[in-house]
Protein backbone atom coordinates (compact mmCIF):
# COMPACT_ATOMS: atom_id res chain seq x y z
CA UNK A 1 90.68 95.42 32.40
CA UNK A 2 87.09 96.41 33.55
CA UNK A 3 85.33 93.25 34.86
CA UNK A 4 81.48 93.26 34.20
CA UNK A 5 79.57 91.60 37.06
CA UNK A 6 76.19 91.82 35.40
CA UNK A 7 75.12 89.01 33.32
CA UNK A 8 71.70 88.17 31.56
CA UNK A 9 70.83 84.42 32.06
CA UNK A 10 68.63 83.01 29.37
CA UNK A 11 66.86 79.80 30.27
CA UNK A 12 67.24 77.15 27.64
CA UNK A 13 63.87 75.71 28.55
CA UNK A 14 61.58 78.52 28.35
CA UNK A 15 63.83 81.61 27.01
CA UNK A 16 63.28 83.62 30.08
CA UNK A 17 65.69 86.41 30.58
CA UNK A 18 67.16 87.67 33.91
CA UNK A 19 69.75 89.99 34.77
CA UNK A 20 72.15 88.66 37.77
CA UNK A 21 75.04 89.92 39.46
CA UNK A 22 77.87 87.38 39.37
CA UNK A 23 79.90 86.48 42.50
CA UNK A 24 83.57 87.22 42.55
CA UNK A 25 84.53 84.75 45.02
CA UNK A 26 82.90 81.63 43.79
CA UNK A 27 81.49 79.84 40.76
CA UNK A 28 77.58 79.52 40.48
CA UNK A 29 76.94 75.73 39.87
CA UNK A 30 73.26 75.72 39.98
CA UNK A 31 70.56 78.43 39.28
CA UNK A 32 66.67 78.09 39.27
CA UNK A 33 64.99 79.81 36.60
CA UNK A 34 62.50 82.53 37.86
CA UNK A 35 59.83 81.74 35.41
CA UNK A 36 59.62 77.98 34.86
CA UNK A 37 61.60 76.74 37.97
CA UNK A 38 64.02 74.44 36.13
CA UNK A 39 67.49 73.95 37.82
CA UNK A 40 70.45 75.15 35.38
CA UNK A 41 73.67 73.50 35.67
CA UNK A 42 76.71 74.33 33.55
CA UNK A 43 77.16 72.65 30.11
CA UNK A 44 79.94 70.28 29.84
CA UNK A 45 83.27 72.09 29.69
CA UNK A 46 81.95 75.09 31.33
CA UNK A 47 82.78 76.28 34.95
CA UNK A 48 79.44 77.90 35.93
CA UNK A 49 75.97 78.82 34.67
CA UNK A 50 77.02 82.27 33.57
CA UNK A 51 79.71 80.73 31.24
CA UNK A 52 76.96 78.32 30.07
CA UNK A 53 73.64 80.56 29.73
CA UNK A 54 74.85 84.21 30.57
CA UNK A 55 75.65 86.87 28.07
CA UNK A 56 78.74 87.55 29.78
CA UNK A 57 81.41 85.04 31.08
CA UNK A 58 82.01 84.75 34.83
CA UNK A 59 84.72 87.20 36.25
CA UNK A 60 87.57 84.52 36.31
CA UNK A 61 87.09 84.01 32.86
CA UNK A 62 87.07 87.61 31.91
CA UNK A 63 90.23 87.99 33.70
CA UNK A 64 91.76 84.96 31.68
CA UNK A 65 92.23 83.08 35.03
CA UNK A 66 91.26 79.64 35.98
CA UNK A 67 87.97 79.38 37.12
CA UNK A 68 86.84 77.42 40.20
């Protein structure tokens, strides 16, 4: 199974979209929006910002593994 490491993060505050590369060795718990500077944190029940605000889930979830 091919893992997609690119995800487009969409800020819930200003709707700004930015493509980012997801780390494969750790979860991303915080992200600062490049437009409005809001600090994004994962939603309750999600392991990282990519699972909450990205168009692709993180690599661990894509592989059906337990996330960080």
